C-alpha atoms as a PDB file:
ATOM      1  CA  UNK A   1       0.226   0.357  -0.095  1.00  0.00           C
ATOM      2  CA  UNK A   2       1.618   3.377  -0.658  1.00  0.00           C
ATOM      3  CA  UNK A   3       1.484   6.480   1.454  1.00  0.00           C
ATOM      4  CA  UNK A   4      -0.854   8.083  -0.171  1.00  0.00           C
ATOM      5  CA  UNK A   5      -3.741   5.085   0.389  1.00  0.00           C
ATOM      6  CA  UNK A   6      -2.239   4.426   3.727  1.00  0.00           C
ATOM      7  CA  UNK A   7      -2.652   7.915   5.046  1.00  0.00           C
ATOM      8  CA  UNK A   8      -5.573   9.066   3.299  1.00  0.00           C
ATOM      9  CA  UNK A   9      -7.269   5.465   5.354  1.00  0.00           C
ATOM     10  CA  UNK A  10      -5.846   6.578   8.932  1.00  0.00           C
ATOM     11  CA  UNK A  11      -7.266  10.454   7.518  1.00  0.00           C
ATOM     12  CA  UNK A  12     -10.457   8.477   7.412  1.00  0.00           C
ATOM     13  CA  UNK A  13     -10.458   6.487  10.215  1.00  0.00           C
ATOM     14  CA  UNK A  14     -10.027   9.249  12.795  1.00  0.00           C
ATOM     15  CA  UNK A  15     -12.694  11.642  11.170  1.00  0.00           C
ATOM     16  CA  UNK A  16     -15.316   8.148  11.329  1.00  0.00           C
ATOM     17  CA  UNK A  17     -13.826   8.527  15.290  1.00  0.00           C
ATOM     18  CA  UNK A  18     -14.280  11.928  15.348  1.00  0.00           C
ATOM     19  CA  UNK A  19     -18.061  12.056  13.984  1.00  0.00           C
ATOM     20  CA  UNK A  20     -19.238   8.581  16.023  1.00  0.00           C
ATOM     21  CA  UNK A  21     -17.960  10.743  19.274  1.00  0.00           C
ATOM     22  CA  UNK A  22     -20.403  13.691  18.350  1.00  0.00           C
ATOM     23  CA  UNK A  23     -23.554  11.265  17.410  1.00  0.00           C
ATOM     24  CA  UNK A  24     -23.176   9.567  20.306  1.00  0.00           C
ATOM     25  CA  UNK A  25     -22.967  12.571  22.406  1.00  0.00           C
ATOM     26  CA  UNK A  26     -25.660  14.643  20.426  1.00  0.00           C
ATOM     27  CA  UNK A  27     -27.797  11.518  21.057  1.00  0.00           C
ATOM     28  CA  UNK A  28     -26.953  10.793  24.929  1.00  0.00           C
ATOM     29  CA  UNK A  29     -25.698   7.999  24.279  1.00  0.00           C
ATOM     30  CA  UNK A  30     -22.604   9.227  26.197  1.00  0.00           C
ATOM     31  CA  UNK A  31     -21.454  12.097  28.101  1.00  0.00           C
ATOM     32  CA  UNK A  32     -19.335  15.032  27.259  1.00  0.00           C
ATOM     33  CA  UNK A  33     -17.263  14.272  29.775  1.00  0.00           C
ATOM     34  CA  UNK A  34     -16.845  10.990  29.788  1.00  0.00           C
ATOM     35  CA  UNK A  35     -13.884   8.773  29.298  1.00  0.00           C
ATOM     36  CA  UNK A  36     -15.341   7.151  26.306  1.00  0.00           C
ATOM     37  CA  UNK A  37     -16.011  10.561  24.093  1.00  0.00           C
ATOM     38  CA  UNK A  38     -12.798  11.610  25.116  1.00  0.00           C
ATOM     39  CA  UNK A  39     -10.575   8.849  24.011  1.00  0.00           C
ATOM     40  CA  UNK A  40     -12.668   8.956  21.020  1.00  0.00           C
ATOM     41  CA  UNK A  41     -11.327  12.763  20.483  1.00  0.00           C
ATOM     42  CA  UNK A  42      -7.952  11.588  21.189  1.00  0.00           C
ATOM     43  CA  UNK A  43      -7.756   9.231  19.020  1.00  0.00           C
ATOM     44  CA  UNK A  44      -9.491  10.631  16.066  1.00  0.00           C
ATOM     45  CA  UNK A  45      -7.471  13.884  16.307  1.00  0.00           C
ATOM     46  CA  UNK A  46      -4.384  12.303  16.128  1.00  0.00           C
ATOM     47  CA  UNK A  47      -5.381  10.422  13.627  1.00  0.00           C
ATOM     48  CA  UNK A  48      -6.463  13.618  12.115  1.00  0.00           C
ATOM     49  CA  UNK A  49      -3.537  15.219  12.354  1.00  0.00           C
ATOM     50  CA  UNK A  50      -0.808  12.471  11.168  1.00  0.00           C
ATOM     51  CA  UNK A  51      -3.416  12.705   7.816  1.00  0.00           C
ATOM     52  CA  UNK A  52      -2.898  16.591   7.257  1.00  0.00           C
ATOM     53  CA  UNK A  53       0.623  16.686   8.501  1.00  0.00           C
ATOM     54  CA  UNK A  54       1.540  14.440   5.588  1.00  0.00           C
ATOM     55  CA  UNK A  55      -0.191  16.555   3.188  1.00  0.00           C
ATOM     56  CA  UNK A  56       1.004  19.916   4.970  1.00  0.00           C
ATOM     57  CA  UNK A  57      -1.652  20.907   5.742  1.00  0.00           C
ATOM     58  CA  UNK A  58      -0.420  22.759   9.107  1.00  0.00           C
ATOM     59  CA  UNK A  59      -3.655  24.943   9.977  1.00  0.00           C
ATOM     60  CA  UNK A  60      -5.863  22.031  10.363  1.00  0.00           C
ATOM     61  CA  UNK A  61      -2.718  19.853  12.032  1.00  0.00           C
ATOM     62  CA  UNK A  62      -2.891  23.194  14.761  1.00  0.00           C
ATOM     63  CA  UNK A  63      -6.886  22.401  15.710  1.00  0.00           C
ATOM     64  CA  UNK A  64      -6.939  18.832  15.557  1.00  0.00           C
ATOM     65  CA  UNK A  65      -3.262  18.681  18.337  1.00  0.00           C
ATOM     66  CA  UNK A  66      -5.512  21.130  20.151  1.00  0.00           C
ATOM     67  CA  UNK A  67      -8.350  19.204  20.433  1.00  0.00           C
ATOM     68  CA  UNK A  68      -6.567  16.128  21.977  1.00  0.00           C
ATOM     69  CA  UNK A  69      -4.828  18.393  24.027  1.00  0.00           C
ATOM     70  CA  UNK A  70      -8.443  19.287  25.908  1.00  0.00           C
ATOM     71  CA  UNK A  71      -9.687  16.051  25.726  1.00  0.00           C
ATOM     72  CA  UNK A  72      -6.734  14.702  27.887  1.00  0.00           C
ATOM     73  CA  UNK A  73      -6.961  17.534  30.112  1.00  0.00           C
ATOM     74  CA  UNK A  74     -10.151  17.215  30.146  1.00  0.00           C
ATOM     75  CA  UNK A  75      -9.728  13.202  31.068  1.00  0.00           C
ATOM     76  CA  UNK A  76      -6.749  14.150  33.518  1.00  0.00           C
ATOM     77  CA  UNK A  77      -8.922  16.550  35.800  1.00  0.00           C
ATOM     78  CA  UNK A  78     -11.734  14.244  35.557  1.00  0.00           C
ATOM     79  CA  UNK A  79      -9.288  11.703  37.167  1.00  0.00           C
ATOM     80  CA  UNK A  80      -7.740  14.297  39.329  1.00  0.00           C
ATOM     81  CA  UNK A  81     -11.027  15.543  40.809  1.00  0.00           C
ATOM     82  CA  UNK A  82     -12.636  11.955  41.209  1.00  0.00           C
ATOM     83  CA  UNK A  83      -9.908  10.921  43.266  1.00  0.00           C
ATOM     84  CA  UNK A  84     -10.455  13.616  45.809  1.00  0.00           C
END
């Protein structure tokens, strides 16, 4: 499989993960602060970031890395609050 097909596949999987996360929260099957939602956001964003780095789309890379960072922050904050 050539690099373009590989990174296109990575990008599509990332996009699907983000859309699934959004659909599950919108349909109230997941809470917006749940670990499952945030893990879908992290994985989807990192996969899309890999795709956008490959294609040189750095503004999209920036957004996706920030998106993943927010999700990581949410998970660590939630764990810290629940351990009190």
